[in-house]
Amino acid sequence: MINLDWLTDNGVASTTVNNGIPELVVVSLFDNKVQQLNGNWAYGLTDSQHPEHSYLIEQQTHALYRASLLILDDGLIINVNKLTKT
């Protein structure tokens, strides 16, 4: 594990390295559900001054994208189809 950041009160983004490639997963602490994010994402984080905003950082370009979070009864989901490049 190379990085761990809060996404919500009950969700964290964890980055591990597998064969030199960062892999981002989102973990719901409410039910320990793990979501592997498809795509080339290296990091996930939340704005400390605006905790309603969560971001993903692309592996190769290091571009920052604001992510849409969905908080469902059974856990936290990041909708990678609704990203805003910042």
PDB file of N, CA and C in Angstrom:
ATOM      1  N   MET A   1       0.851  -1.169   0.000  1.00  0.00           N
ATOM      2  CA  MET A   1       0.000   0.000   0.000  1.00  0.00           C
ATOM      3  C   MET A   1       0.895   1.229   0.000  1.00  0.00           C
ATOM      4  N   ILE A   2       0.575   2.142  -0.944  1.00  0.00           N
ATOM      5  CA  ILE A   2       1.373   3.368  -1.012  1.00  0.00           C
ATOM      6  C   ILE A   2       0.565   4.607  -0.660  1.00  0.00           C
ATOM      7  N   ASN A   3      -0.775   4.457  -0.612  1.00  0.00           N
ATOM      8  CA  ASN A   3      -1.593   5.623  -0.314  1.00  0.00           C
ATOM      9  C   ASN A   3      -2.942   5.196   0.247  1.00  0.00           C
ATOM     10  N   LEU A   4      -3.446   5.998   1.187  1.00  0.00           N
ATOM     11  CA  LEU A   4      -4.763   5.778   1.768  1.00  0.00           C
ATOM     12  C   LEU A   4      -5.373   7.144   2.058  1.00  0.00           C
ATOM     13  N   ASP A   5      -6.547   7.428   1.465  1.00  0.00           N
ATOM     14  CA  ASP A   5      -7.208   8.715   1.648  1.00  0.00           C
ATOM     15  C   ASP A   5      -8.687   8.501   1.914  1.00  0.00           C
ATOM     16  N   TRP A   6      -9.271   9.390   2.718  1.00  0.00           N
ATOM     17  CA  TRP A   6     -10.706   9.364   2.962  1.00  0.00           C
ATOM     18  C   TRP A   6     -11.434   9.871   1.731  1.00  0.00           C
ATOM     19  N   LEU A   7     -12.565   9.228   1.399  1.00  0.00           N
ATOM     20  CA  LEU A   7     -13.460   9.725   0.361  1.00  0.00           C
ATOM     21  C   LEU A   7     -14.745  10.270   0.967  1.00  0.00           C
ATOM     22  N   THR A   8     -15.236   9.591   1.998  1.00  0.00           N
ATOM     23  CA  THR A   8     -16.424  10.016   2.732  1.00  0.00           C
ATOM     24  C   THR A   8     -16.191   9.662   4.189  1.00  0.00           C
ATOM     25  N   ASP A   9     -17.199   9.882   5.027  1.00  0.00           N
ATOM     26  CA  ASP A   9     -17.077   9.488   6.433  1.00  0.00           C
ATOM     27  C   ASP A   9     -16.871   7.998   6.589  1.00  0.00           C
ATOM     28  N   ASN A  10     -17.393   7.211   5.638  1.00  0.00           N
ATOM     29  CA  ASN A  10     -17.321   5.748   5.743  1.00  0.00           C
ATOM     30  C   ASN A  10     -16.619   5.085   4.574  1.00  0.00           C
ATOM     31  N   GLY A  11     -15.880   5.841   3.768  1.00  0.00           N
ATOM     32  CA  GLY A  11     -15.221   5.251   2.614  1.00  0.00           C
ATOM     33  C   GLY A  11     -13.806   5.752   2.438  1.00  0.00           C
ATOM     34  N   VAL A  12     -12.916   4.845   2.048  1.00  0.00           N
ATOM     35  CA  VAL A  12     -11.519   5.211   1.810  1.00  0.00           C
ATOM     36  C   VAL A  12     -11.078   4.727   0.433  1.00  0.00           C
ATOM     37  N   ALA A  13     -10.091   5.418  -0.117  1.00  0.00           N
ATOM     38  CA  ALA A  13      -9.449   5.009  -1.362  1.00  0.00           C
ATOM     39  C   ALA A  13      -8.065   4.499  -0.997  1.00  0.00           C
ATOM     40  N   SER A  14      -7.747   3.300  -1.465  1.00  0.00           N
ATOM     41  CA  SER A  14      -6.472   2.675  -1.159  1.00  0.00           C
ATOM     42  C   SER A  14      -5.729   2.387  -2.455  1.00  0.00           C
ATOM     43  N   THR A  15      -4.467   2.809  -2.517  1.00  0.00           N
ATOM     44  CA  THR A  15      -3.637   2.543  -3.687  1.00  0.00           C
ATOM     45  C   THR A  15      -2.544   1.559  -3.297  1.00  0.00           C
ATOM     46  N   THR A  16      -2.480   0.466  -4.038  1.00  0.00           N
ATOM     47  CA  THR A  16      -1.407  -0.514  -3.887  1.00  0.00           C
ATOM     48  C   THR A  16      -0.655  -0.584  -5.206  1.00  0.00           C
ATOM     49  N   VAL A  17       0.517  -1.183  -5.194  1.00  0.00           N
ATOM     50  CA  VAL A  17       1.305  -1.337  -6.415  1.00  0.00           C
ATOM     51  C   VAL A  17       1.414  -2.818  -6.722  1.00  0.00           C
ATOM     52  N   ASN A  18       1.062  -3.165  -7.968  1.00  0.00           N
ATOM     53  CA  ASN A  18       1.147  -4.548  -8.431  1.00  0.00           C
ATOM     54  C   ASN A  18       1.985  -4.561  -9.702  1.00  0.00           C
ATOM     55  N   ASN A  19       3.165  -5.184  -9.637  1.00  0.00           N
ATOM     56  CA  ASN A  19       4.094  -5.228 -10.777  1.00  0.00           C
ATOM     57  C   ASN A  19       4.438  -3.823 -11.285  1.00  0.00           C
ATOM     58  N   GLY A  20       4.611  -2.893 -10.353  1.00  0.00           N
ATOM     59  CA  GLY A  20       4.998  -1.533 -10.705  1.00  0.00           C
ATOM     60  C   GLY A  20       3.863  -0.641 -11.176  1.00  0.00           C
ATOM     61  N   ILE A  21       2.627  -1.142 -11.144  1.00  0.00           N
ATOM     62  CA  ILE A  21       1.475  -0.375 -11.611  1.00  0.00           C
ATOM     63  C   ILE A  21       0.562  -0.079 -10.425  1.00  0.00           C
ATOM     64  N   PRO A  22       0.258   1.213 -10.175  1.00  0.00           N
ATOM     65  CA  PRO A  22      -0.661   1.538  -9.079  1.00  0.00           C
ATOM     66  C   PRO A  22      -2.071   1.034  -9.379  1.00  0.00           C
ATOM     67  N   GLU A  23      -2.729   0.474  -8.363  1.00  0.00           N
ATOM     68  CA  GLU A  23      -4.109   0.008  -8.488  1.00  0.00           C
ATOM     69  C   GLU A  23      -4.930   0.653  -7.385  1.00  0.00           C
ATOM     70  N   LEU A  24      -6.027   1.285  -7.778  1.00  0.00           N
ATOM     71  CA  LEU A  24      -6.885   2.001  -6.846  1.00  0.00           C
ATOM     72  C   LEU A  24      -8.128   1.185  -6.556  1.00  0.00           C
ATOM     73  N   VAL A  25      -8.433   1.020  -5.272  1.00  0.00           N
ATOM     74  CA  VAL A  25      -9.687   0.395  -4.851  1.00  0.00           C
ATOM     75  C   VAL A  25     -10.351   1.322  -3.847  1.00  0.00           C
ATOM     76  N   VAL A  26     -11.677   1.237  -3.798  1.00  0.00           N
ATOM     77  CA  VAL A  26     -12.462   1.997  -2.836  1.00  0.00           C
ATOM     78  C   VAL A  26     -13.060   0.998  -1.855  1.00  0.00           C
ATOM     79  N   VAL A  27     -12.916   1.288  -0.573  1.00  0.00           N
ATOM     80  CA  VAL A  27     -13.410   0.397   0.472  1.00  0.00           C
ATOM     81  C   VAL A  27     -14.475   1.119   1.278  1.00  0.00           C
ATOM     82  N   SER A  28     -15.640   0.506   1.383  1.00  0.00           N
ATOM     83  CA  SER A  28     -16.698   1.014   2.239  1.00  0.00           C
ATOM     84  C   SER A  28     -16.466   0.450   3.635  1.00  0.00           C
ATOM     85  N   LEU A  29     -16.223   1.307   4.605  1.00  0.00           N
ATOM     86  CA  LEU A  29     -15.984   0.847   5.973  1.00  0.00           C
ATOM     87  C   LEU A  29     -17.283   0.434   6.656  1.00  0.00           C
ATOM     88  N   PHE A  30     -18.404   0.820   6.056  1.00  0.00           N
ATOM     89  CA  PHE A  30     -19.715   0.449   6.588  1.00  0.00           C
ATOM     90  C   PHE A  30     -19.926  -1.053   6.514  1.00  0.00           C
ATOM     91  N   ASP A  31     -19.565  -1.650   5.369  1.00  0.00           N
ATOM     92  CA  ASP A  31     -19.788  -3.088   5.183  1.00  0.00           C
ATOM     93  C   ASP A  31     -18.572  -3.830   4.634  1.00  0.00           C
ATOM     94  N   ASN A  32     -17.406  -3.164   4.600  1.00  0.00           N
ATOM     95  CA  ASN A  32     -16.162  -3.742   4.090  1.00  0.00           C
ATOM     96  C   ASN A  32     -16.247  -4.164   2.634  1.00  0.00           C
ATOM     97  N   LYS A  33     -17.132  -3.544   1.868  1.00  0.00           N
ATOM     98  CA  LYS A  33     -17.260  -3.822   0.442  1.00  0.00           C
ATOM     99  C   LYS A  33     -16.122  -3.125  -0.296  1.00  0.00           C
ATOM    100  N   VAL A  34     -15.473  -3.850  -1.211  1.00  0.00           N
ATOM    101  CA  VAL A  34     -14.347  -3.321  -1.973  1.00  0.00           C
ATOM    102  C   VAL A  34     -14.776  -3.146  -3.421  1.00  0.00           C
ATOM    103  N   GLN A  35     -14.485  -1.963  -3.980  1.00  0.00           N
ATOM    104  CA  GLN A  35     -14.786  -1.688  -5.382  1.00  0.00           C
ATOM    105  C   GLN A  35     -13.480  -1.430  -6.118  1.00  0.00           C
ATOM    106  N   GLN A  36     -13.142  -2.305  -7.063  1.00  0.00           N
ATOM    107  CA  GLN A  36     -11.978  -2.097  -7.921  1.00  0.00           C
ATOM    108  C   GLN A  36     -12.393  -1.130  -9.018  1.00  0.00           C
ATOM    109  N   LEU A  37     -11.658  -0.036  -9.170  1.00  0.00           N
ATOM    110  CA  LEU A  37     -12.016   0.945 -10.196  1.00  0.00           C
ATOM    111  C   LEU A  37     -11.375   0.562 -11.515  1.00  0.00           C
ATOM    112  N   ASN A  38     -12.190   0.501 -12.549  1.00  0.00           N
ATOM    113  CA  ASN A  38     -11.671   0.238 -13.883  1.00  0.00           C
ATOM    114  C   ASN A  38     -11.061   1.514 -14.427  1.00  0.00           C
ATOM    115  N   GLY A  39      -9.995   1.367 -15.144  1.00  0.00           N
ATOM    116  CA  GLY A  39      -9.327   2.538 -15.704  1.00  0.00           C
ATOM    117  C   GLY A  39      -7.936   2.669 -15.130  1.00  0.00           C
ATOM    118  N   ASN A  40      -7.301   3.725 -15.479  1.00  0.00           N
ATOM    119  CA  ASN A  40      -5.915   3.953 -15.079  1.00  0.00           C
ATOM    120  C   ASN A  40      -5.829   4.962 -13.948  1.00  0.00           C
ATOM    121  N   TRP A  41      -6.457   4.656 -12.837  1.00  0.00           N
ATOM    122  CA  TRP A  41      -6.487   5.570 -11.705  1.00  0.00           C
ATOM    123  C   TRP A  41      -5.410   5.215 -10.706  1.00  0.00           C
ATOM    124  N   ALA A  42      -4.677   6.229 -10.250  1.00  0.00           N
ATOM    125  CA  ALA A  42      -3.600   6.004  -9.294  1.00  0.00           C
ATOM    126  C   ALA A  42      -4.028   6.353  -7.876  1.00  0.00           C
ATOM    127  N   TYR A  43      -4.814   7.423  -7.710  1.00  0.00           N
ATOM    128  CA  TYR A  43      -5.166   7.888  -6.379  1.00  0.00           C
ATOM    129  C   TYR A  43      -6.602   8.388  -6.337  1.00  0.00           C
ATOM    130  N   GLY A  44      -7.193   8.306  -5.169  1.00  0.00           N
ATOM    131  CA  GLY A  44      -8.490   8.895  -4.896  1.00  0.00           C
ATOM    132  C   GLY A  44      -8.363   9.724  -3.636  1.00  0.00           C
ATOM    133  N   LEU A  45      -8.997  10.875  -3.604  1.00  0.00           N
ATOM    134  CA  LEU A  45      -8.895  11.734  -2.429  1.00  0.00           C
ATOM    135  C   LEU A  45     -10.101  12.651  -2.315  1.00  0.00           C
ATOM    136  N   THR A  46     -10.236  13.268  -1.157  1.00  0.00           N
ATOM    137  CA  THR A  46     -11.318  14.210  -0.887  1.00  0.00           C
ATOM    138  C   THR A  46     -10.726  15.561  -0.539  1.00  0.00           C
ATOM    139  N   ASP A  47     -11.413  16.608  -0.938  1.00  0.00           N
ATOM    140  CA  ASP A  47     -11.025  17.974  -0.609  1.00  0.00           C
ATOM    141  C   ASP A  47     -11.301  18.194   0.876  1.00  0.00           C
ATOM    142  N   SER A  48     -10.295  18.536   1.651  1.00  0.00           N
ATOM    143  CA  SER A  48     -10.475  18.695   3.097  1.00  0.00           C
ATOM    144  C   SER A  48     -11.371  19.884   3.448  1.00  0.00           C
ATOM    145  N   GLN A  49     -11.399  20.907   2.595  1.00  0.00           N
ATOM    146  CA  GLN A  49     -12.237  22.066   2.876  1.00  0.00           C
ATOM    147  C   GLN A  49     -13.649  21.906   2.323  1.00  0.00           C
ATOM    148  N   HIS A  50     -13.808  21.019   1.354  1.00  0.00           N
ATOM    149  CA  HIS A  50     -15.117  20.734   0.752  1.00  0.00           C
ATOM    150  C   HIS A  50     -15.275  19.219   0.658  1.00  0.00           C
ATOM    151  N   PRO A  51     -15.582  18.563   1.772  1.00  0.00           N
ATOM    152  CA  PRO A  51     -15.600  17.088   1.789  1.00  0.00           C
ATOM    153  C   PRO A  51     -16.638  16.458   0.866  1.00  0.00           C
ATOM    154  N   GLU A  52     -17.545  17.256   0.318  1.00  0.00           N
ATOM    155  CA  GLU A  52     -18.509  16.703  -0.635  1.00  0.00           C
ATOM    156  C   GLU A  52     -17.877  16.485  -2.013  1.00  0.00           C
ATOM    157  N   HIS A  53     -16.648  16.975  -2.223  1.00  0.00           N
ATOM    158  CA  HIS A  53     -15.946  16.809  -3.492  1.00  0.00           C
ATOM    159  C   HIS A  53     -14.880  15.727  -3.362  1.00  0.00           C
ATOM    160  N   SER A  54     -14.961  14.730  -4.222  1.00  0.00           N
ATOM    161  CA  SER A  54     -13.959  13.669  -4.276  1.00  0.00           C
ATOM    162  C   SER A  54     -13.288  13.688  -5.640  1.00  0.00           C
ATOM    163  N   TYR A  55     -12.058  13.243  -5.682  1.00  0.00           N
ATOM    164  CA  TYR A  55     -11.261  13.335  -6.898  1.00  0.00           C
ATOM    165  C   TYR A  55     -10.530  12.033  -7.177  1.00  0.00           C
ATOM    166  N   LEU A  56     -10.271  11.791  -8.467  1.00  0.00           N
ATOM    167  CA  LEU A  56      -9.425  10.686  -8.910  1.00  0.00           C
ATOM    168  C   LEU A  56      -8.259  11.284  -9.682  1.00  0.00           C
ATOM    169  N   ILE A  57      -7.082  10.691  -9.533  1.00  0.00           N
ATOM    170  CA  ILE A  57      -5.899  11.144 -10.260  1.00  0.00           C
ATOM    171  C   ILE A  57      -5.479  10.030 -11.208  1.00  0.00           C
ATOM    172  N   GLU A  58      -5.343  10.399 -12.481  1.00  0.00           N
ATOM    173  CA  GLU A  58      -4.984   9.443 -13.518  1.00  0.00           C
ATOM    174  C   GLU A  58      -3.513   9.035 -13.377  1.00  0.00           C
ATOM    175  N   GLN A  59      -3.226   7.759 -13.681  1.00  0.00           N
ATOM    176  CA  GLN A  59      -1.870   7.226 -13.514  1.00  0.00           C
ATOM    177  C   GLN A  59      -0.843   7.913 -14.404  1.00  0.00           C
ATOM    178  N   GLN A  60      -1.081   7.955 -15.694  1.00  0.00           N
ATOM    179  CA  GLN A  60      -0.063   8.401 -16.643  1.00  0.00           C
ATOM    180  C   GLN A  60       0.066   9.915 -16.715  1.00  0.00           C
ATOM    181  N   THR A  61      -1.054  10.622 -16.789  1.00  0.00           N
ATOM    182  CA  THR A  61      -1.008  12.067 -17.002  1.00  0.00           C
ATOM    183  C   THR A  61      -1.051  12.861 -15.700  1.00  0.00           C
ATOM    184  N   HIS A  62      -1.434  12.207 -14.609  1.00  0.00           N
ATOM    185  CA  HIS A  62      -1.621  12.845 -13.307  1.00  0.00           C
ATOM    186  C   HIS A  62      -2.733  13.898 -13.356  1.00  0.00           C
ATOM    187  N   ALA A  63      -3.619  13.776 -14.354  1.00  0.00           N
ATOM    188  CA  ALA A  63      -4.760  14.694 -14.458  1.00  0.00           C
ATOM    189  C   ALA A  63      -5.715  14.437 -13.300  1.00  0.00           C
ATOM    190  N   LEU A  64      -6.327  15.504 -12.833  1.00  0.00           N
ATOM    191  CA  LEU A  64      -7.243  15.455 -11.700  1.00  0.00           C
ATOM    192  C   LEU A  64      -8.676  15.498 -12.208  1.00  0.00           C
ATOM    193  N   TYR A  65      -9.506  14.553 -11.759  1.00  0.00           N
ATOM    194  CA  TYR A  65     -10.904  14.485 -12.158  1.00  0.00           C
ATOM    195  C   TYR A  65     -11.782  14.517 -10.913  1.00  0.00           C
ATOM    196  N   ARG A  66     -12.844  15.334 -10.960  1.00  0.00           N
ATOM    197  CA  ARG A  66     -13.815  15.297  -9.869  1.00  0.00           C
ATOM    198  C   ARG A  66     -14.759  14.138 -10.142  1.00  0.00           C
ATOM    199  N   ALA A  67     -14.980  13.317  -9.131  1.00  0.00           N
ATOM    200  CA  ALA A  67     -15.775  12.098  -9.284  1.00  0.00           C
ATOM    201  C   ALA A  67     -17.145  12.266  -8.664  1.00  0.00           C
ATOM    202  N   SER A  68     -18.110  11.590  -9.246  1.00  0.00           N
ATOM    203  CA  SER A  68     -19.451  11.525  -8.677  1.00  0.00           C
ATOM    204  C   SER A  68     -19.518  10.309  -7.768  1.00  0.00           C
ATOM    205  N   LEU A  69     -19.808  10.547  -6.497  1.00  0.00           N
ATOM    206  CA  LEU A  69     -19.931   9.450  -5.544  1.00  0.00           C
ATOM    207  C   LEU A  69     -21.398   9.115  -5.356  1.00  0.00           C
ATOM    208  N   LEU A  70     -21.678   7.843  -5.297  1.00  0.00           N
ATOM    209  CA  LEU A  70     -23.029   7.381  -5.010  1.00  0.00           C
ATOM    210  C   LEU A  70     -22.971   6.636  -3.690  1.00  0.00           C
ATOM    211  N   ILE A  71     -23.730   7.090  -2.713  1.00  0.00           N
ATOM    212  CA  ILE A  71     -23.780   6.418  -1.429  1.00  0.00           C
ATOM    213  C   ILE A  71     -25.066   5.590  -1.417  1.00  0.00           C
ATOM    214  N   LEU A  72     -24.909   4.304  -1.541  1.00  0.00           N
ATOM    215  CA  LEU A  72     -26.055   3.406  -1.560  1.00  0.00           C
ATOM    216  C   LEU A  72     -26.207   2.733  -0.203  1.00  0.00           C
ATOM    217  N   ASP A  73     -27.358   2.134   0.030  1.00  0.00           N
ATOM    218  CA  ASP A  73     -27.588   1.444   1.298  1.00  0.00           C
ATOM    219  C   ASP A  73     -26.560   0.350   1.535  1.00  0.00           C
ATOM    220  N   ASP A  74     -26.082  -0.265   0.461  1.00  0.00           N
ATOM    221  CA  ASP A  74     -25.133  -1.364   0.620  1.00  0.00           C
ATOM    222  C   ASP A  74     -23.692  -0.935   0.401  1.00  0.00           C
ATOM    223  N   GLY A  75     -23.413   0.367   0.390  1.00  0.00           N
ATOM    224  CA  GLY A  75     -22.024   0.800   0.310  1.00  0.00           C
ATOM    225  C   GLY A  75     -21.802   1.992  -0.605  1.00  0.00           C
ATOM    226  N   LEU A  76     -20.532   2.291  -0.826  1.00  0.00           N
ATOM    227  CA  LEU A  76     -20.066   3.455  -1.574  1.00  0.00           C
ATOM    228  C   LEU A  76     -19.665   3.025  -2.979  1.00  0.00           C
ATOM    229  N   ILE A  77     -20.088   3.785  -3.986  1.00  0.00           N
ATOM    230  CA  ILE A  77     -19.717   3.480  -5.360  1.00  0.00           C
ATOM    231  C   ILE A  77     -19.251   4.773  -6.018  1.00  0.00           C
ATOM    232  N   ILE A  78     -18.162   4.695  -6.767  1.00  0.00           N
ATOM    233  CA  ILE A  78     -17.725   5.823  -7.576  1.00  0.00           C
ATOM    234  C   ILE A  78     -18.187   5.564  -8.992  1.00  0.00           C
ATOM    235  N   ASN A  79     -18.890   6.519  -9.570  1.00  0.00           N
ATOM    236  CA  ASN A  79     -19.359   6.411 -10.931  1.00  0.00           C
ATOM    237  C   ASN A  79     -18.273   6.984 -11.841  1.00  0.00           C
ATOM    238  N   VAL A  80     -17.431   6.108 -12.412  1.00  0.00           N
ATOM    239  CA  VAL A  80     -16.315   6.577 -13.244  1.00  0.00           C
ATOM    240  C   VAL A  80     -16.795   7.059 -14.598  1.00  0.00           C
ATOM    241  N   ASN A  81     -18.065   6.902 -14.906  1.00  0.00           N
ATOM    242  CA  ASN A  81     -18.608   7.434 -16.152  1.00  0.00           C
ATOM    243  C   ASN A  81     -19.020   8.887 -16.012  1.00  0.00           C
ATOM    244  N   LYS A  82     -19.039   9.414 -14.803  1.00  0.00           N
ATOM    245  CA  LYS A  82     -19.403  10.811 -14.564  1.00  0.00           C
ATOM    246  C   LYS A  82     -18.250  11.519 -13.871  1.00  0.00           C
ATOM    247  N   LEU A  83     -17.232  11.825 -14.656  1.00  0.00           N
ATOM    248  CA  LEU A  83     -16.055  12.519 -14.147  1.00  0.00           C
ATOM    249  C   LEU A  83     -15.953  13.873 -14.806  1.00  0.00           C
ATOM    250  N   THR A  84     -15.444  14.839 -14.055  1.00  0.00           N
ATOM    251  CA  THR A  84     -15.218  16.176 -14.583  1.00  0.00           C
ATOM    252  C   THR A  84     -13.731  16.463 -14.530  1.00  0.00           C
ATOM    253  N   LYS A  85     -13.097  16.649 -15.680  1.00  0.00           N
ATOM    254  CA  LYS A  85     -11.667  16.970 -15.696  1.00  0.00           C
ATOM    255  C   LYS A  85     -11.495  18.386 -15.186  1.00  0.00           C
ATOM    256  N   THR A  86     -10.602  18.575 -14.232  1.00  0.00           N
ATOM    257  CA  THR A  86     -10.418  19.902 -13.636  1.00  0.00           C
ATOM    258  C   THR A  86      -9.186  20.584 -14.186  1.00  0.00           C
TER     259      THR A  86
END
